[in-house]
Amino acid sequence: MKSTPPHRHRLHGAPDRPRPRLTSEDVFHLAEQGNERAVAIFRSVGEALGVALANLINIFNFPLYLLSGGPCRPGISSLPR
């Protein structure tokens, strides 16, 4: 029998139960499904990363910046706003 995938769990649970461990991919899947808390997490983290990247750009002034990894994949901009 298959167990429930982690992204099927809710982001919040009853205080008397241990919370499931969530990865950024789990939160992404929840955000794709319209989970408001997951979308808020992505907005908050995205804003913080944007500020950090802007600071690095202003400090180092390199001619090119490459972003890669899971959060940079296509489709991330299609999350609910």
PDB file of N, CA and C in Angstrom:
ATOM      1  N   MET A   1       0.814  -1.185   0.000  1.00  0.00           N
ATOM      2  CA  MET A   1       0.000   0.000   0.000  1.00  0.00           C
ATOM      3  C   MET A   1       0.862   1.253   0.000  1.00  0.00           C
ATOM      4  N   LYS A   2       0.428   2.256  -0.745  1.00  0.00           N
ATOM      5  CA  LYS A   2       1.171   3.519  -0.784  1.00  0.00           C
ATOM      6  C   LYS A   2       0.740   4.410   0.377  1.00  0.00           C
ATOM      7  N   SER A   3       1.704   5.131   0.917  1.00  0.00           N
ATOM      8  CA  SER A   3       1.354   6.109   1.941  1.00  0.00           C
ATOM      9  C   SER A   3       0.992   7.431   1.268  1.00  0.00           C
ATOM     10  N   THR A   4       0.348   8.295   2.007  1.00  0.00           N
ATOM     11  CA  THR A   4      -0.050   9.585   1.471  1.00  0.00           C
ATOM     12  C   THR A   4       1.188  10.423   1.200  1.00  0.00           C
ATOM     13  N   PRO A   5       1.310  11.002  -0.020  1.00  0.00           N
ATOM     14  CA  PRO A   5       2.464  11.861  -0.301  1.00  0.00           C
ATOM     15  C   PRO A   5       2.513  13.027   0.677  1.00  0.00           C
ATOM     16  N   PRO A   6       3.724  13.489   1.028  1.00  0.00           N
ATOM     17  CA  PRO A   6       3.848  14.561   2.011  1.00  0.00           C
ATOM     18  C   PRO A   6       3.076  15.824   1.635  1.00  0.00           C
ATOM     19  N   HIS A   7       2.985  16.156   0.335  1.00  0.00           N
ATOM     20  CA  HIS A   7       2.311  17.401  -0.023  1.00  0.00           C
ATOM     21  C   HIS A   7       0.800  17.324   0.154  1.00  0.00           C
ATOM     22  N   ARG A   8       0.281  16.157   0.496  1.00  0.00           N
ATOM     23  CA  ARG A   8      -1.147  16.025   0.765  1.00  0.00           C
ATOM     24  C   ARG A   8      -1.492  16.460   2.187  1.00  0.00           C
ATOM     25  N   HIS A   9      -0.486  16.529   3.055  1.00  0.00           N
ATOM     26  CA  HIS A   9      -0.724  16.962   4.430  1.00  0.00           C
ATOM     27  C   HIS A   9      -1.015  18.451   4.466  1.00  0.00           C
ATOM     28  N   ARG A  10      -1.692  18.869   5.494  1.00  0.00           N
ATOM     29  CA  ARG A  10      -1.953  20.299   5.666  1.00  0.00           C
ATOM     30  C   ARG A  10      -0.716  20.959   6.273  1.00  0.00           C
ATOM     31  N   LEU A  11      -0.604  22.266   6.074  1.00  0.00           N
ATOM     32  CA  LEU A  11       0.534  22.991   6.636  1.00  0.00           C
ATOM     33  C   LEU A  11       0.373  23.216   8.129  1.00  0.00           C
ATOM     34  N   HIS A  12      -0.808  23.051   8.629  1.00  0.00           N
ATOM     35  CA  HIS A  12      -1.025  23.216  10.062  1.00  0.00           C
ATOM     36  C   HIS A  12      -1.749  21.990  10.577  1.00  0.00           C
ATOM     37  N   GLY A  13      -1.540  21.661  11.810  1.00  0.00           N
ATOM     38  CA  GLY A  13      -2.193  20.500  12.397  1.00  0.00           C
ATOM     39  C   GLY A  13      -2.600  20.811  13.816  1.00  0.00           C
ATOM     40  N   ALA A  14      -3.245  19.887  14.430  1.00  0.00           N
ATOM     41  CA  ALA A  14      -3.638  20.065  15.822  1.00  0.00           C
ATOM     42  C   ALA A  14      -2.379  20.148  16.677  1.00  0.00           C
ATOM     43  N   PRO A  15      -2.392  21.006  17.703  1.00  0.00           N
ATOM     44  CA  PRO A  15      -1.179  21.171  18.522  1.00  0.00           C
ATOM     45  C   PRO A  15      -0.755  19.913  19.260  1.00  0.00           C
ATOM     46  N   ASP A  16      -1.671  18.962  19.470  1.00  0.00           N
ATOM     47  CA  ASP A  16      -1.307  17.762  20.210  1.00  0.00           C
ATOM     48  C   ASP A  16      -0.731  16.666  19.324  1.00  0.00           C
ATOM     49  N   ARG A  17      -0.683  16.902  18.005  1.00  0.00           N
ATOM     50  CA  ARG A  17      -0.116  15.918  17.081  1.00  0.00           C
ATOM     51  C   ARG A  17       1.189  16.447  16.500  1.00  0.00           C
ATOM     52  N   PRO A  18       2.174  15.563  16.284  1.00  0.00           N
ATOM     53  CA  PRO A  18       3.404  16.034  15.634  1.00  0.00           C
ATOM     54  C   PRO A  18       3.103  16.428  14.195  1.00  0.00           C
ATOM     55  N   ARG A  19       3.734  17.477  13.726  1.00  0.00           N
ATOM     56  CA  ARG A  19       3.535  17.955  12.361  1.00  0.00           C
ATOM     57  C   ARG A  19       4.412  17.163  11.398  1.00  0.00           C
ATOM     58  N   PRO A  20       3.915  16.912  10.202  1.00  0.00           N
ATOM     59  CA  PRO A  20       4.752  16.207   9.223  1.00  0.00           C
ATOM     60  C   PRO A  20       5.882  17.125   8.756  1.00  0.00           C
ATOM     61  N   ARG A  21       7.000  16.540   8.387  1.00  0.00           N
ATOM     62  CA  ARG A  21       8.110  17.329   7.844  1.00  0.00           C
ATOM     63  C   ARG A  21       7.781  17.700   6.415  1.00  0.00           C
ATOM     64  N   LEU A  22       7.915  18.967   6.099  1.00  0.00           N
ATOM     65  CA  LEU A  22       7.623  19.457   4.761  1.00  0.00           C
ATOM     66  C   LEU A  22       8.896  19.956   4.103  1.00  0.00           C
ATOM     67  N   THR A  23       9.036  19.672   2.830  1.00  0.00           N
ATOM     68  CA  THR A  23      10.142  20.210   2.055  1.00  0.00           C
ATOM     69  C   THR A  23       9.632  21.398   1.252  1.00  0.00           C
ATOM     70  N   SER A  24      10.540  22.135   0.638  1.00  0.00           N
ATOM     71  CA  SER A  24      10.122  23.252  -0.210  1.00  0.00           C
ATOM     72  C   SER A  24       9.291  22.744  -1.382  1.00  0.00           C
ATOM     73  N   GLU A  25       9.581  21.529  -1.842  1.00  0.00           N
ATOM     74  CA  GLU A  25       8.793  20.954  -2.939  1.00  0.00           C
ATOM     75  C   GLU A  25       7.364  20.664  -2.480  1.00  0.00           C
ATOM     76  N   ASP A  26       7.215  20.180  -1.254  1.00  0.00           N
ATOM     77  CA  ASP A  26       5.870  19.944  -0.709  1.00  0.00           C
ATOM     78  C   ASP A  26       5.081  21.253  -0.641  1.00  0.00           C
ATOM     79  N   VAL A  27       5.734  22.292  -0.157  1.00  0.00           N
ATOM     80  CA  VAL A  27       5.068  23.594  -0.050  1.00  0.00           C
ATOM     81  C   VAL A  27       4.717  24.118  -1.439  1.00  0.00           C
ATOM     82  N   PHE A  28       5.592  23.891  -2.413  1.00  0.00           N
ATOM     83  CA  PHE A  28       5.312  24.310  -3.788  1.00  0.00           C
ATOM     84  C   PHE A  28       4.065  23.616  -4.320  1.00  0.00           C
ATOM     85  N   HIS A  29       3.960  22.296  -4.091  1.00  0.00           N
ATOM     86  CA  HIS A  29       2.784  21.557  -4.558  1.00  0.00           C
ATOM     87  C   HIS A  29       1.513  22.067  -3.876  1.00  0.00           C
ATOM     88  N   LEU A  30       1.607  22.359  -2.592  1.00  0.00           N
ATOM     89  CA  LEU A  30       0.456  22.908  -1.881  1.00  0.00           C
ATOM     90  C   LEU A  30       0.077  24.276  -2.441  1.00  0.00           C
ATOM     91  N   ALA A  31       1.072  25.096  -2.750  1.00  0.00           N
ATOM     92  CA  ALA A  31       0.800  26.419  -3.325  1.00  0.00           C
ATOM     93  C   ALA A  31       0.155  26.287  -4.700  1.00  0.00           C
ATOM     94  N   GLU A  32       0.597  25.327  -5.485  1.00  0.00           N
ATOM     95  CA  GLU A  32      -0.016  25.082  -6.800  1.00  0.00           C
ATOM     96  C   GLU A  32      -1.494  24.731  -6.663  1.00  0.00           C
ATOM     97  N   GLN A  33      -1.827  24.059  -5.573  1.00  0.00           N
ATOM     98  CA  GLN A  33      -3.208  23.656  -5.325  1.00  0.00           C
ATOM     99  C   GLN A  33      -4.030  24.786  -4.713  1.00  0.00           C
ATOM    100  N   GLY A  34      -3.385  25.936  -4.457  1.00  0.00           N
ATOM    101  CA  GLY A  34      -4.101  27.090  -3.933  1.00  0.00           C
ATOM    102  C   GLY A  34      -4.103  27.228  -2.424  1.00  0.00           C
ATOM    103  N   ASN A  35      -3.284  26.445  -1.708  1.00  0.00           N
ATOM    104  CA  ASN A  35      -3.210  26.554  -0.258  1.00  0.00           C
ATOM    105  C   ASN A  35      -2.690  27.939   0.108  1.00  0.00           C
ATOM    106  N   GLU A  36      -3.505  28.711   0.840  1.00  0.00           N
ATOM    107  CA  GLU A  36      -3.163  30.108   1.136  1.00  0.00           C
ATOM    108  C   GLU A  36      -1.893  30.247   1.961  1.00  0.00           C
ATOM    109  N   ARG A  37      -1.685  29.364   2.922  1.00  0.00           N
ATOM    110  CA  ARG A  37      -0.473  29.454   3.752  1.00  0.00           C
ATOM    111  C   ARG A  37       0.773  29.156   2.928  1.00  0.00           C
ATOM    112  N   ALA A  38       0.677  28.177   2.023  1.00  0.00           N
ATOM    113  CA  ALA A  38       1.821  27.848   1.175  1.00  0.00           C
ATOM    114  C   ALA A  38       2.135  29.005   0.229  1.00  0.00           C
ATOM    115  N   VAL A  39       1.114  29.624  -0.327  1.00  0.00           N
ATOM    116  CA  VAL A  39       1.317  30.782  -1.207  1.00  0.00           C
ATOM    117  C   VAL A  39       1.965  31.921  -0.413  1.00  0.00           C
ATOM    118  N   ALA A  40       1.508  32.143   0.811  1.00  0.00           N
ATOM    119  CA  ALA A  40       2.087  33.203   1.657  1.00  0.00           C
ATOM    120  C   ALA A  40       3.553  32.917   1.959  1.00  0.00           C
ATOM    121  N   ILE A  41       3.885  31.637   2.178  1.00  0.00           N
ATOM    122  CA  ILE A  41       5.285  31.267   2.426  1.00  0.00           C
ATOM    123  C   ILE A  41       6.133  31.595   1.206  1.00  0.00           C
ATOM    124  N   PHE A  42       5.649  31.233   0.012  1.00  0.00           N
ATOM    125  CA  PHE A  42       6.404  31.518  -1.207  1.00  0.00           C
ATOM    126  C   PHE A  42       6.555  33.016  -1.426  1.00  0.00           C
ATOM    127  N   ARG A  43       5.515  33.775  -1.146  1.00  0.00           N
ATOM    128  CA  ARG A  43       5.623  35.236  -1.289  1.00  0.00           C
ATOM    129  C   ARG A  43       6.679  35.803  -0.351  1.00  0.00           C
ATOM    130  N   SER A  44       6.629  35.367   0.910  1.00  0.00           N
ATOM    131  CA  SER A  44       7.563  35.874   1.914  1.00  0.00           C
ATOM    132  C   SER A  44       9.009  35.504   1.580  1.00  0.00           C
ATOM    133  N   VAL A  45       9.229  34.247   1.247  1.00  0.00           N
ATOM    134  CA  VAL A  45      10.576  33.786   0.904  1.00  0.00           C
ATOM    135  C   VAL A  45      11.047  34.448  -0.393  1.00  0.00           C
ATOM    136  N   GLY A  46      10.153  34.558  -1.369  1.00  0.00           N
ATOM    137  CA  GLY A  46      10.504  35.209  -2.631  1.00  0.00           C
ATOM    138  C   GLY A  46      10.910  36.664  -2.444  1.00  0.00           C
ATOM    139  N   GLU A  47      10.178  37.358  -1.580  1.00  0.00           N
ATOM    140  CA  GLU A  47      10.524  38.755  -1.312  1.00  0.00           C
ATOM    141  C   GLU A  47      11.883  38.856  -0.628  1.00  0.00           C
ATOM    142  N   ALA A  48      12.131  37.987   0.354  1.00  0.00           N
ATOM    143  CA  ALA A  48      13.419  38.002   1.055  1.00  0.00           C
ATOM    144  C   ALA A  48      14.570  37.674   0.103  1.00  0.00           C
ATOM    145  N   LEU A  49      14.373  36.686  -0.764  1.00  0.00           N
ATOM    146  CA  LEU A  49      15.416  36.349  -1.737  1.00  0.00           C
ATOM    147  C   LEU A  49      15.633  37.484  -2.728  1.00  0.00           C
ATOM    148  N   GLY A  50      14.558  38.148  -3.125  1.00  0.00           N
ATOM    149  CA  GLY A  50      14.679  39.288  -4.036  1.00  0.00           C
ATOM    150  C   GLY A  50      15.484  40.420  -3.436  1.00  0.00           C
ATOM    151  N   VAL A  51      15.218  40.714  -2.165  1.00  0.00           N
ATOM    152  CA  VAL A  51      15.973  41.773  -1.470  1.00  0.00           C
ATOM    153  C   VAL A  51      17.443  41.374  -1.350  1.00  0.00           C
ATOM    154  N   ALA A  52      17.696  40.119  -0.983  1.00  0.00           N
ATOM    155  CA  ALA A  52      19.084  39.651  -0.848  1.00  0.00           C
ATOM    156  C   ALA A  52      19.811  39.706  -2.187  1.00  0.00           C
ATOM    157  N   LEU A  53      19.140  39.271  -3.249  1.00  0.00           N
ATOM    158  CA  LEU A  53      19.761  39.300  -4.574  1.00  0.00           C
ATOM    159  C   LEU A  53      20.020  40.736  -5.022  1.00  0.00           C
ATOM    160  N   ALA A  54      19.080  41.633  -4.776  1.00  0.00           N
ATOM    161  CA  ALA A  54      19.277  43.040  -5.133  1.00  0.00           C
ATOM    162  C   ALA A  54      20.470  43.628  -4.384  1.00  0.00           C
ATOM    163  N   ASN A  55      20.626  43.265  -3.114  1.00  0.00           N
ATOM    164  CA  ASN A  55      21.775  43.748  -2.344  1.00  0.00           C
ATOM    165  C   ASN A  55      23.091  43.223  -2.918  1.00  0.00           C
ATOM    166  N   LEU A  56      23.121  41.949  -3.281  1.00  0.00           N
ATOM    167  CA  LEU A  56      24.340  41.381  -3.878  1.00  0.00           C
ATOM    168  C   LEU A  56      24.661  42.048  -5.215  1.00  0.00           C
ATOM    169  N   ILE A  57      23.648  42.309  -6.003  1.00  0.00           N
ATOM    170  CA  ILE A  57      23.861  42.989  -7.282  1.00  0.00           C
ATOM    171  C   ILE A  57      24.451  44.375  -7.061  1.00  0.00           C
ATOM    172  N   ASN A  58      23.916  45.090  -6.088  1.00  0.00           N
ATOM    173  CA  ASN A  58      24.415  46.436  -5.807  1.00  0.00           C
ATOM    174  C   ASN A  58      25.818  46.434  -5.205  1.00  0.00           C
ATOM    175  N   ILE A  59      26.142  45.392  -4.444  1.00  0.00           N
ATOM    176  CA  ILE A  59      27.470  45.312  -3.826  1.00  0.00           C
ATOM    177  C   ILE A  59      28.538  44.929  -4.848  1.00  0.00           C
ATOM    178  N   PHE A  60      28.287  43.879  -5.627  1.00  0.00           N
ATOM    179  CA  PHE A  60      29.318  43.332  -6.507  1.00  0.00           C
ATOM    180  C   PHE A  60      29.286  43.873  -7.934  1.00  0.00           C
ATOM    181  N   ASN A  61      28.124  44.247  -8.426  1.00  0.00           N
ATOM    182  CA  ASN A  61      27.978  44.838  -9.755  1.00  0.00           C
ATOM    183  C   ASN A  61      28.579  43.964 -10.868  1.00  0.00           C
ATOM    184  N   PHE A  62      28.338  42.651 -10.789  1.00  0.00           N
ATOM    185  CA  PHE A  62      28.784  41.751 -11.853  1.00  0.00           C
ATOM    186  C   PHE A  62      27.945  41.992 -13.108  1.00  0.00           C
ATOM    187  N   PRO A  63      28.485  41.698 -14.288  1.00  0.00           N
ATOM    188  CA  PRO A  63      27.711  41.914 -15.512  1.00  0.00           C
ATOM    189  C   PRO A  63      26.646  40.834 -15.760  1.00  0.00           C
ATOM    190  N   LEU A  64      26.742  39.679 -15.051  1.00  0.00           N
ATOM    191  CA  LEU A  64      25.809  38.584 -15.291  1.00  0.00           C
ATOM    192  C   LEU A  64      25.551  37.829 -13.994  1.00  0.00           C
ATOM    193  N   TYR A  65      24.299  37.471 -13.762  1.00  0.00           N
ATOM    194  CA  TYR A  65      23.910  36.679 -12.596  1.00  0.00           C
ATOM    195  C   TYR A  65      23.101  35.491 -13.092  1.00  0.00           C
ATOM    196  N   LEU A  66      23.485  34.287 -12.697  1.00  0.00           N
ATOM    197  CA  LEU A  66      22.775  33.082 -13.099  1.00  0.00           C
ATOM    198  C   LEU A  66      22.050  32.501 -11.894  1.00  0.00           C
ATOM    199  N   LEU A  67      20.788  32.216 -12.064  1.00  0.00           N
ATOM    200  CA  LEU A  67      19.992  31.587 -11.015  1.00  0.00           C
ATOM    201  C   LEU A  67      19.619  30.196 -11.494  1.00  0.00           C
ATOM    202  N   SER A  68      19.768  29.202 -10.618  1.00  0.00           N
ATOM    203  CA  SER A  68      19.426  27.837 -11.009  1.00  0.00           C
ATOM    204  C   SER A  68      18.882  27.092  -9.798  1.00  0.00           C
ATOM    205  N   GLY A  69      18.395  25.903 -10.052  1.00  0.00           N
ATOM    206  CA  GLY A  69      17.867  25.083  -8.978  1.00  0.00           C
ATOM    207  C   GLY A  69      16.360  24.970  -9.058  1.00  0.00           C
ATOM    208  N   GLY A  70      15.789  24.221  -8.132  1.00  0.00           N
ATOM    209  CA  GLY A  70      14.358  23.957  -8.113  1.00  0.00           C
ATOM    210  C   GLY A  70      13.466  25.190  -8.156  1.00  0.00           C
ATOM    211  N   PRO A  71      13.726  26.207  -7.332  1.00  0.00           N
ATOM    212  CA  PRO A  71      12.845  27.373  -7.336  1.00  0.00           C
ATOM    213  C   PRO A  71      12.866  28.171  -8.637  1.00  0.00           C
ATOM    214  N   CYS A  72      13.816  27.900  -9.497  1.00  0.00           N
ATOM    215  CA  CYS A  72      13.929  28.660 -10.753  1.00  0.00           C
ATOM    216  C   CYS A  72      13.259  27.969 -11.926  1.00  0.00           C
ATOM    217  N   ARG A  73      12.655  26.835 -11.679  1.00  0.00           N
ATOM    218  CA  ARG A  73      12.062  26.100 -12.789  1.00  0.00           C
ATOM    219  C   ARG A  73      10.817  26.803 -13.334  1.00  0.00           C
ATOM    220  N   PRO A  74      10.476  26.533 -14.590  1.00  0.00           N
ATOM    221  CA  PRO A  74       9.286  27.152 -15.180  1.00  0.00           C
ATOM    222  C   PRO A  74       8.034  26.765 -14.403  1.00  0.00           C
ATOM    223  N   GLY A  75       7.107  27.680 -14.330  1.00  0.00           N
ATOM    224  CA  GLY A  75       5.843  27.404 -13.666  1.00  0.00           C
ATOM    225  C   GLY A  75       5.720  28.036 -12.316  1.00  0.00           C
ATOM    226  N   ILE A  76       6.822  28.464 -11.748  1.00  0.00           N
ATOM    227  CA  ILE A  76       6.744  29.051 -10.409  1.00  0.00           C
ATOM    228  C   ILE A  76       5.993  30.371 -10.427  1.00  0.00           C
ATOM    229  N   SER A  77       6.031  31.062 -11.570  1.00  0.00           N
ATOM    230  CA  SER A  77       5.317  32.330 -11.656  1.00  0.00           C
ATOM    231  C   SER A  77       3.819  32.123 -11.824  1.00  0.00           C
ATOM    232  N   SER A  78       3.379  30.883 -12.016  1.00  0.00           N
ATOM    233  CA  SER A  78       1.966  30.614 -12.212  1.00  0.00           C
ATOM    234  C   SER A  78       1.238  30.308 -10.906  1.00  0.00           C
ATOM    235  N   LEU A  79       1.921  30.473  -9.773  1.00  0.00           N
ATOM    236  CA  LEU A  79       1.261  30.239  -8.494  1.00  0.00           C
ATOM    237  C   LEU A  79       0.157  31.264  -8.287  1.00  0.00           C
ATOM    238  N   PRO A  80      -0.893  30.903  -7.544  1.00  0.00           N
ATOM    239  CA  PRO A  80      -1.964  31.873  -7.295  1.00  0.00           C
ATOM    240  C   PRO A  80      -1.431  33.112  -6.599  1.00  0.00           C
ATOM    241  N   ARG A  81      -1.978  34.245  -6.948  1.00  0.00           N
ATOM    242  CA  ARG A  81      -1.507  35.509  -6.350  1.00  0.00           C
ATOM    243  C   ARG A  81      -2.439  35.969  -5.285  1.00  0.00           C
TER     244      ARG A  81
END
